[in-house]
């Protein structure tokens, strides 16, 4: 990729927050962000599902991954999730 495009699309060391990442589509998005060099926060109502995705990514060598439980309908869950993501 040329320098201009790399400057536009380089995701190295960025943080990707993927809500619903315990599901099929969003878990693939989380994998894509990891392969692009992002630190990935996997958020889902079902913590055990997001932890499975985290484990898969860890086994692939991606260690900058966290799982966070969130109910998107609850404001406090958003606040708590943000605090955890900011630690990444």
PDB file of N, CA and C in Angstrom:
ATOM      1  N   UNK A   1       0.862  -1.177   0.000  1.00  0.00           N
ATOM      2  CA  UNK A   1       0.000   0.000   0.000  1.00  0.00           C
ATOM      3  C   UNK A   1       0.902   1.232   0.000  1.00  0.00           C
ATOM      4  N   UNK A   2       0.548   2.231  -0.771  1.00  0.00           N
ATOM      5  CA  UNK A   2       1.394   3.414  -0.807  1.00  0.00           C
ATOM      6  C   UNK A   2       1.227   4.238   0.472  1.00  0.00           C
ATOM      7  N   UNK A   3       2.108   5.183   0.656  1.00  0.00           N
ATOM      8  CA  UNK A   3       2.127   5.982   1.879  1.00  0.00           C
ATOM      9  C   UNK A   3       0.828   6.744   2.093  1.00  0.00           C
ATOM     10  N   UNK A   4       0.279   7.304   1.028  1.00  0.00           N
ATOM     11  CA  UNK A   4      -0.970   8.060   1.149  1.00  0.00           C
ATOM     12  C   UNK A   4      -2.101   7.164   1.648  1.00  0.00           C
ATOM     13  N   UNK A   5      -2.276   6.019   1.012  1.00  0.00           N
ATOM     14  CA  UNK A   5      -3.346   5.102   1.421  1.00  0.00           C
ATOM     15  C   UNK A   5      -3.099   4.540   2.814  1.00  0.00           C
ATOM     16  N   UNK A   6      -1.848   4.252   3.114  1.00  0.00           N
ATOM     17  CA  UNK A   6      -1.520   3.752   4.442  1.00  0.00           C
ATOM     18  C   UNK A   6      -1.880   4.785   5.505  1.00  0.00           C
ATOM     19  N   UNK A   7      -1.654   6.044   5.205  1.00  0.00           N
ATOM     20  CA  UNK A   7      -2.030   7.109   6.133  1.00  0.00           C
ATOM     21  C   UNK A   7      -3.529   7.205   6.336  1.00  0.00           C
ATOM     22  N   UNK A   8      -4.285   6.917   5.300  1.00  0.00           N
ATOM     23  CA  UNK A   8      -5.750   6.963   5.393  1.00  0.00           C
ATOM     24  C   UNK A   8      -6.335   5.756   6.111  1.00  0.00           C
ATOM     25  N   UNK A   9      -5.773   4.591   5.858  1.00  0.00           N
ATOM     26  CA  UNK A   9      -6.407   3.360   6.301  1.00  0.00           C
ATOM     27  C   UNK A   9      -5.619   2.556   7.326  1.00  0.00           C
ATOM     28  N   UNK A  10      -4.498   3.039   7.775  1.00  0.00           N
ATOM     29  CA  UNK A  10      -3.695   2.298   8.741  1.00  0.00           C
ATOM     30  C   UNK A  10      -4.411   2.256  10.094  1.00  0.00           C
ATOM     31  N   UNK A  11      -4.652   1.061  10.587  1.00  0.00           N
ATOM     32  CA  UNK A  11      -5.337   0.888  11.873  1.00  0.00           C
ATOM     33  C   UNK A  11      -4.397   0.388  12.963  1.00  0.00           C
ATOM     34  N   UNK A  12      -3.112   0.312  12.652  1.00  0.00           N
ATOM     35  CA  UNK A  12      -2.132  -0.184  13.611  1.00  0.00           C
ATOM     36  C   UNK A  12      -2.199   0.605  14.920  1.00  0.00           C
ATOM     37  N   UNK A  13      -2.329  -0.123  16.032  1.00  0.00           N
ATOM     38  CA  UNK A  13      -2.369   0.428  17.393  1.00  0.00           C
ATOM     39  C   UNK A  13      -3.592   1.292  17.695  1.00  0.00           C
ATOM     40  N   UNK A  14      -4.606   1.222  16.878  1.00  0.00           N
ATOM     41  CA  UNK A  14      -5.877   1.881  17.185  1.00  0.00           C
ATOM     42  C   UNK A  14      -6.693   0.924  18.050  1.00  0.00           C
ATOM     43  N   UNK A  15      -7.716   1.429  18.708  1.00  0.00           N
ATOM     44  CA  UNK A  15      -8.602   0.583  19.511  1.00  0.00           C
ATOM     45  C   UNK A  15      -9.939   0.466  18.790  1.00  0.00           C
ATOM     46  N   UNK A  16     -10.337  -0.765  18.510  1.00  0.00           N
ATOM     47  CA  UNK A  16     -11.629  -1.034  17.877  1.00  0.00           C
ATOM     48  C   UNK A  16     -12.576  -1.585  18.936  1.00  0.00           C
ATOM     49  N   UNK A  17     -13.710  -0.939  19.102  1.00  0.00           N
ATOM     50  CA  UNK A  17     -14.741  -1.403  20.028  1.00  0.00           C
ATOM     51  C   UNK A  17     -15.848  -2.002  19.175  1.00  0.00           C
ATOM     52  N   UNK A  18     -16.071  -3.299  19.335  1.00  0.00           N
ATOM     53  CA  UNK A  18     -17.055  -4.004  18.516  1.00  0.00           C
ATOM     54  C   UNK A  18     -18.174  -4.499  19.425  1.00  0.00           C
ATOM     55  N   UNK A  19     -19.343  -3.884  19.294  1.00  0.00           N
ATOM     56  CA  UNK A  19     -20.501  -4.269  20.103  1.00  0.00           C
ATOM     57  C   UNK A  19     -21.250  -5.379  19.379  1.00  0.00           C
ATOM     58  N   UNK A  20     -21.575  -6.432  20.118  1.00  0.00           N
ATOM     59  CA  UNK A  20     -22.243  -7.589  19.532  1.00  0.00           C
ATOM     60  C   UNK A  20     -21.245  -8.585  18.975  1.00  0.00           C
ATOM     61  N   UNK A  21     -20.003  -8.493  19.418  1.00  0.00           N
ATOM     62  CA  UNK A  21     -18.927  -9.304  18.855  1.00  0.00           C
ATOM     63  C   UNK A  21     -18.986 -10.769  19.258  1.00  0.00           C
ATOM     64  N   UNK A  22     -19.933 -11.137  20.100  1.00  0.00           N
ATOM     65  CA  UNK A  22     -20.119 -12.549  20.409  1.00  0.00           C
ATOM     66  C   UNK A  22     -20.877 -13.268  19.313  1.00  0.00           C
ATOM     67  N   UNK A  23     -21.492 -12.516  18.414  1.00  0.00           N
ATOM     68  CA  UNK A  23     -22.251 -13.094  17.305  1.00  0.00           C
ATOM     69  C   UNK A  23     -21.370 -13.360  16.095  1.00  0.00           C
ATOM     70  N   UNK A  24     -21.968 -13.907  15.056  1.00  0.00           N
ATOM     71  CA  UNK A  24     -21.195 -14.316  13.879  1.00  0.00           C
ATOM     72  C   UNK A  24     -20.612 -13.132  13.113  1.00  0.00           C
ATOM     73  N   UNK A  25     -21.428 -12.182  12.729  1.00  0.00           N
ATOM     74  CA  UNK A  25     -20.968 -11.072  11.895  1.00  0.00           C
ATOM     75  C   UNK A  25     -19.966 -10.189  12.633  1.00  0.00           C
ATOM     76  N   UNK A  26     -20.316  -9.780  13.832  1.00  0.00           N
ATOM     77  CA  UNK A  26     -19.441  -8.864  14.569  1.00  0.00           C
ATOM     78  C   UNK A  26     -18.177  -9.550  15.072  1.00  0.00           C
ATOM     79  N   UNK A  27     -18.219 -10.863  15.309  1.00  0.00           N
ATOM     80  CA  UNK A  27     -16.986 -11.558  15.696  1.00  0.00           C
ATOM     81  C   UNK A  27     -16.004 -11.560  14.524  1.00  0.00           C
ATOM     82  N   UNK A  28     -16.520 -11.670  13.304  1.00  0.00           N
ATOM     83  CA  UNK A  28     -15.649 -11.583  12.126  1.00  0.00           C
ATOM     84  C   UNK A  28     -15.079 -10.174  11.980  1.00  0.00           C
ATOM     85  N   UNK A  29     -15.881  -9.176  12.310  1.00  0.00           N
ATOM     86  CA  UNK A  29     -15.376  -7.796  12.289  1.00  0.00           C
ATOM     87  C   UNK A  29     -14.240  -7.650  13.298  1.00  0.00           C
ATOM     88  N   UNK A  30     -14.417  -8.219  14.492  1.00  0.00           N
ATOM     89  CA  UNK A  30     -13.379  -8.156  15.521  1.00  0.00           C
ATOM     90  C   UNK A  30     -12.097  -8.825  15.026  1.00  0.00           C
ATOM     91  N   UNK A  31     -12.235  -9.976  14.376  1.00  0.00           N
ATOM     92  CA  UNK A  31     -11.061 -10.659  13.815  1.00  0.00           C
ATOM     93  C   UNK A  31     -10.369  -9.780  12.767  1.00  0.00           C
ATOM     94  N   UNK A  32     -11.164  -9.162  11.916  1.00  0.00           N
ATOM     95  CA  UNK A  32     -10.601  -8.289  10.892  1.00  0.00           C
ATOM     96  C   UNK A  32      -9.827  -7.129  11.487  1.00  0.00           C
ATOM     97  N   UNK A  33     -10.381  -6.519  12.523  1.00  0.00           N
ATOM     98  CA  UNK A  33      -9.677  -5.424  13.191  1.00  0.00           C
ATOM     99  C   UNK A  33      -8.379  -5.919  13.824  1.00  0.00           C
ATOM    100  N   UNK A  34      -8.398  -7.109  14.414  1.00  0.00           N
ATOM    101  CA  UNK A  34      -7.180  -7.663  15.013  1.00  0.00           C
ATOM    102  C   UNK A  34      -6.111  -7.878  13.941  1.00  0.00           C
ATOM    103  N   UNK A  35      -6.508  -8.459  12.809  1.00  0.00           N
ATOM    104  CA  UNK A  35      -5.558  -8.670  11.713  1.00  0.00           C
ATOM    105  C   UNK A  35      -5.046  -7.345  11.155  1.00  0.00           C
ATOM    106  N   UNK A  36      -5.821  -6.283  11.275  1.00  0.00           N
ATOM    107  CA  UNK A  36      -5.398  -4.962  10.797  1.00  0.00           C
ATOM    108  C   UNK A  36      -4.485  -4.253  11.797  1.00  0.00           C
ATOM    109  N   UNK A  37      -4.233  -4.884  12.950  1.00  0.00           N
ATOM    110  CA  UNK A  37      -3.310  -4.322  13.925  1.00  0.00           C
ATOM    111  C   UNK A  37      -3.960  -3.572  15.067  1.00  0.00           C
ATOM    112  N   UNK A  38      -5.263  -3.649  15.176  1.00  0.00           N
ATOM    113  CA  UNK A  38      -5.977  -2.952  16.251  1.00  0.00           C
ATOM    114  C   UNK A  38      -5.913  -3.710  17.567  1.00  0.00           C
ATOM    115  N   UNK A  39      -6.033  -2.965  18.633  1.00  0.00           N
ATOM    116  CA  UNK A  39      -6.384  -3.527  19.927  1.00  0.00           C
ATOM    117  C   UNK A  39      -7.904  -3.649  19.875  1.00  0.00           C
ATOM    118  N   UNK A  40      -8.454  -4.768  20.324  1.00  0.00           N
ATOM    119  CA  UNK A  40      -9.874  -5.015  20.124  1.00  0.00           C
ATOM    120  C   UNK A  40     -10.596  -5.207  21.452  1.00  0.00           C
ATOM    121  N   UNK A  41     -11.686  -4.463  21.623  1.00  0.00           N
ATOM    122  CA  UNK A  41     -12.586  -4.636  22.762  1.00  0.00           C
ATOM    123  C   UNK A  41     -13.845  -5.311  22.235  1.00  0.00           C
ATOM    124  N   UNK A  42     -14.110  -6.509  22.737  1.00  0.00           N
ATOM    125  CA  UNK A  42     -15.245  -7.310  22.291  1.00  0.00           C
ATOM    126  C   UNK A  42     -16.358  -7.139  23.311  1.00  0.00           C
ATOM    127  N   UNK A  43     -17.407  -6.428  22.925  1.00  0.00           N
ATOM    128  CA  UNK A  43     -18.521  -6.157  23.831  1.00  0.00           C
ATOM    129  C   UNK A  43     -19.739  -6.964  23.409  1.00  0.00           C
ATOM    130  N   UNK A  44     -20.385  -7.577  24.388  1.00  0.00           N
ATOM    131  CA  UNK A  44     -21.580  -8.360  24.101  1.00  0.00           C
ATOM    132  C   UNK A  44     -22.365  -8.537  25.394  1.00  0.00           C
ATOM    133  N   UNK A  45     -23.651  -8.722  25.253  1.00  0.00           N
ATOM    134  CA  UNK A  45     -24.503  -9.002  26.407  1.00  0.00           C
ATOM    135  C   UNK A  45     -24.099 -10.328  27.039  1.00  0.00           C
ATOM    136  N   UNK A  46     -23.711 -11.266  26.190  1.00  0.00           N
ATOM    137  CA  UNK A  46     -23.324 -12.605  26.650  1.00  0.00           C
ATOM    138  C   UNK A  46     -21.803 -12.668  26.768  1.00  0.00           C
ATOM    139  N   UNK A  47     -21.307 -12.432  27.975  1.00  0.00           N
ATOM    140  CA  UNK A  47     -19.865 -12.375  28.203  1.00  0.00           C
ATOM    141  C   UNK A  47     -19.181 -13.664  27.764  1.00  0.00           C
ATOM    142  N   UNK A  48     -19.811 -14.804  28.004  1.00  0.00           N
ATOM    143  CA  UNK A  48     -19.175 -16.073  27.644  1.00  0.00           C
ATOM    144  C   UNK A  48     -18.944 -16.180  26.135  1.00  0.00           C
ATOM    145  N   UNK A  49     -19.831 -15.606  25.341  1.00  0.00           N
ATOM    146  CA  UNK A  49     -19.656 -15.617  23.879  1.00  0.00           C
ATOM    147  C   UNK A  49     -18.472 -14.739  23.477  1.00  0.00           C
ATOM    148  N   UNK A  50     -18.387 -13.551  24.066  1.00  0.00           N
ATOM    149  CA  UNK A  50     -17.277 -12.660  23.712  1.00  0.00           C
ATOM    150  C   UNK A  50     -15.948 -13.226  24.204  1.00  0.00           C
ATOM    151  N   UNK A  51     -15.974 -13.946  25.317  1.00  0.00           N
ATOM    152  CA  UNK A  51     -14.743 -14.558  25.819  1.00  0.00           C
ATOM    153  C   UNK A  51     -14.252 -15.669  24.889  1.00  0.00           C
ATOM    154  N   UNK A  52     -15.176 -16.361  24.225  1.00  0.00           N
ATOM    155  CA  UNK A  52     -14.775 -17.374  23.238  1.00  0.00           C
ATOM    156  C   UNK A  52     -14.044 -16.729  22.066  1.00  0.00           C
ATOM    157  N   UNK A  53     -14.558 -15.593  21.613  1.00  0.00           N
ATOM    158  CA  UNK A  53     -13.901 -14.867  20.516  1.00  0.00           C
ATOM    159  C   UNK A  53     -12.542 -14.359  20.983  1.00  0.00           C
ATOM    160  N   UNK A  54     -12.476 -13.839  22.204  1.00  0.00           N
ATOM    161  CA  UNK A  54     -11.200 -13.375  22.759  1.00  0.00           C
ATOM    162  C   UNK A  54     -10.193 -14.523  22.797  1.00  0.00           C
ATOM    163  N   UNK A  55     -10.628 -15.688  23.255  1.00  0.00           N
ATOM    164  CA  UNK A  55      -9.745 -16.854  23.332  1.00  0.00           C
ATOM    165  C   UNK A  55      -9.232 -17.243  21.947  1.00  0.00           C
ATOM    166  N   UNK A  56     -10.122 -17.254  20.952  1.00  0.00           N
ATOM    167  CA  UNK A  56      -9.716 -17.577  19.581  1.00  0.00           C
ATOM    168  C   UNK A  56      -8.654 -16.602  19.082  1.00  0.00           C
ATOM    169  N   UNK A  57      -8.871 -15.314  19.341  1.00  0.00           N
ATOM    170  CA  UNK A  57      -7.909 -14.305  18.895  1.00  0.00           C
ATOM    171  C   UNK A  57      -6.584 -14.455  19.632  1.00  0.00           C
ATOM    172  N   UNK A  58      -6.643 -14.745  20.927  1.00  0.00           N
ATOM    173  CA  UNK A  58      -5.412 -14.973  21.692  1.00  0.00           C
ATOM    174  C   UNK A  58      -4.629 -16.155  21.126  1.00  0.00           C
ATOM    175  N   UNK A  59      -5.343 -17.218  20.754  1.00  0.00           N
ATOM    176  CA  UNK A  59      -4.685 -18.398  20.187  1.00  0.00           C
ATOM    177  C   UNK A  59      -4.041 -18.097  18.836  1.00  0.00           C
ATOM    178  N   UNK A  60      -4.560 -17.095  18.137  1.00  0.00           N
ATOM    179  CA  UNK A  60      -3.972 -16.667  16.864  1.00  0.00           C
ATOM    180  C   UNK A  60      -2.810 -15.694  17.065  1.00  0.00           C
ATOM    181  N   UNK A  61      -2.530 -15.344  18.327  1.00  0.00           N
ATOM    182  CA  UNK A  61      -1.409 -14.463  18.632  1.00  0.00           C
ATOM    183  C   UNK A  61      -1.775 -13.016  18.887  1.00  0.00           C
ATOM    184  N   UNK A  62      -3.065 -12.725  18.905  1.00  0.00           N
ATOM    185  CA  UNK A  62      -3.509 -11.364  19.192  1.00  0.00           C
ATOM    186  C   UNK A  62      -3.792 -11.253  20.686  1.00  0.00           C
ATOM    187  N   UNK A  63      -2.944 -10.516  21.395  1.00  0.00           N
ATOM    188  CA  UNK A  63      -3.061 -10.449  22.847  1.00  0.00           C
ATOM    189  C   UNK A  63      -3.667  -9.153  23.359  1.00  0.00           C
ATOM    190  N   UNK A  64      -3.838  -8.171  22.493  1.00  0.00           N
ATOM    191  CA  UNK A  64      -4.447  -6.901  22.892  1.00  0.00           C
ATOM    192  C   UNK A  64      -5.952  -6.964  22.666  1.00  0.00           C
ATOM    193  N   UNK A  65      -6.594  -7.904  23.354  1.00  0.00           N
ATOM    194  CA  UNK A  65      -8.029  -8.144  23.195  1.00  0.00           C
ATOM    195  C   UNK A  65      -8.649  -8.263  24.580  1.00  0.00           C
ATOM    196  N   UNK A  66      -9.795  -7.596  24.778  1.00  0.00           N
ATOM    197  CA  UNK A  66     -10.531  -7.758  26.029  1.00  0.00           C
ATOM    198  C   UNK A  66     -11.996  -8.034  25.715  1.00  0.00           C
ATOM    199  N   UNK A  67     -12.633  -8.730  26.643  1.00  0.00           N
ATOM    200  CA  UNK A  67     -14.072  -8.989  26.553  1.00  0.00           C
ATOM    201  C   UNK A  67     -14.767  -8.192  27.636  1.00  0.00           C
ATOM    202  N   UNK A  68     -15.880  -7.587  27.276  1.00  0.00           N
ATOM    203  CA  UNK A  68     -16.638  -6.773  28.224  1.00  0.00           C
ATOM    204  C   UNK A  68     -18.122  -7.085  28.055  1.00  0.00           C
ATOM    205  N   UNK A  69     -18.797  -7.324  29.178  1.00  0.00           N
ATOM    206  CA  UNK A  69     -20.248  -7.538  29.135  1.00  0.00           C
ATOM    207  C   UNK A  69     -20.936  -6.180  29.108  1.00  0.00           C
ATOM    208  N   UNK A  70     -21.944  -6.057  28.239  1.00  0.00           N
ATOM    209  CA  UNK A  70     -22.686  -4.802  28.158  1.00  0.00           C
ATOM    210  C   UNK A  70     -24.119  -5.073  27.722  1.00  0.00           C
ATOM    211  N   UNK A  71     -25.026  -4.409  28.387  1.00  0.00           N
ATOM    212  CA  UNK A  71     -26.423  -4.350  27.941  1.00  0.00           C
ATOM    213  C   UNK A  71     -26.571  -2.954  27.358  1.00  0.00           C
ATOM    214  N   UNK A  72     -26.668  -2.850  26.039  1.00  0.00           N
ATOM    215  CA  UNK A  72     -26.649  -1.539  25.392  1.00  0.00           C
ATOM    216  C   UNK A  72     -27.837  -0.668  25.780  1.00  0.00           C
ATOM    217  N   UNK A  73     -28.831  -1.245  26.406  1.00  0.00           N
ATOM    218  CA  UNK A  73     -29.988  -0.475  26.854  1.00  0.00           C
ATOM    219  C   UNK A  73     -29.794   0.166  28.217  1.00  0.00           C
ATOM    220  N   UNK A  74     -28.638  -0.087  28.835  1.00  0.00           N
ATOM    221  CA  UNK A  74     -28.366   0.450  30.173  1.00  0.00           C
ATOM    222  C   UNK A  74     -27.189   1.426  30.124  1.00  0.00           C
ATOM    223  N   UNK A  75     -27.470   2.662  30.474  1.00  0.00           N
ATOM    224  CA  UNK A  75     -26.450   3.713  30.429  1.00  0.00           C
ATOM    225  C   UNK A  75     -25.241   3.359  31.288  1.00  0.00           C
ATOM    226  N   UNK A  76     -25.476   2.819  32.477  1.00  0.00           N
ATOM    227  CA  UNK A  76     -24.369   2.496  33.375  1.00  0.00           C
ATOM    228  C   UNK A  76     -23.446   1.445  32.761  1.00  0.00           C
ATOM    229  N   UNK A  77     -23.996   0.516  31.998  1.00  0.00           N
ATOM    230  CA  UNK A  77     -23.160  -0.480  31.319  1.00  0.00           C
ATOM    231  C   UNK A  77     -22.217   0.191  30.319  1.00  0.00           C
ATOM    232  N   UNK A  78     -22.696   1.234  29.647  1.00  0.00           N
ATOM    233  CA  UNK A  78     -21.844   1.973  28.709  1.00  0.00           C
ATOM    234  C   UNK A  78     -20.695   2.646  29.459  1.00  0.00           C
ATOM    235  N   UNK A  79     -21.007   3.237  30.583  1.00  0.00           N
ATOM    236  CA  UNK A  79     -19.984   3.915  31.390  1.00  0.00           C
ATOM    237  C   UNK A  79     -18.953   2.913  31.890  1.00  0.00           C
ATOM    238  N   UNK A  80     -19.434   1.771  32.405  1.00  0.00           N
ATOM    239  CA  UNK A  80     -18.531   0.735  32.915  1.00  0.00           C
ATOM    240  C   UNK A  80     -17.665   0.152  31.799  1.00  0.00           C
ATOM    241  N   UNK A  81     -18.263  -0.072  30.634  1.00  0.00           N
ATOM    242  CA  UNK A  81     -17.513  -0.615  29.496  1.00  0.00           C
ATOM    243  C   UNK A  81     -16.430   0.365  29.053  1.00  0.00           C
ATOM    244  N   UNK A  82     -16.769   1.643  29.002  1.00  0.00           N
ATOM    245  CA  UNK A  82     -15.793   2.655  28.606  1.00  0.00           C
ATOM    246  C   UNK A  82     -14.590   2.648  29.544  1.00  0.00           C
ATOM    247  N   UNK A  83     -14.835   2.544  30.835  1.00  0.00           N
ATOM    248  CA  UNK A  83     -13.734   2.502  31.808  1.00  0.00           C
ATOM    249  C   UNK A  83     -12.810   1.322  31.537  1.00  0.00           C
ATOM    250  N   UNK A  84     -13.389   0.168  31.198  1.00  0.00           N
ATOM    251  CA  UNK A  84     -12.570  -1.014  30.912  1.00  0.00           C
ATOM    252  C   UNK A  84     -11.806  -0.862  29.602  1.00  0.00           C
ATOM    253  N   UNK A  85     -12.457  -0.306  28.599  1.00  0.00           N
ATOM    254  CA  UNK A  85     -11.812  -0.136  27.293  1.00  0.00           C
ATOM    255  C   UNK A  85     -10.656   0.857  27.390  1.00  0.00           C
ATOM    256  N   UNK A  86     -10.801   1.888  28.179  1.00  0.00           N
ATOM    257  CA  UNK A  86      -9.742   2.891  28.309  1.00  0.00           C
ATOM    258  C   UNK A  86      -8.482   2.332  28.959  1.00  0.00           C
ATOM    259  N   UNK A  87      -8.589   1.188  29.622  1.00  0.00           N
ATOM    260  CA  UNK A  87      -7.424   0.546  30.233  1.00  0.00           C
ATOM    261  C   UNK A  87      -6.564  -0.185  29.207  1.00  0.00           C
ATOM    262  N   UNK A  88      -7.116  -0.400  28.007  1.00  0.00           N
ATOM    263  CA  UNK A  88      -6.410  -1.190  26.977  1.00  0.00           C
ATOM    264  C   UNK A  88      -5.158  -0.489  26.527  1.00  0.00           C
TER     265      UNK A  88
END
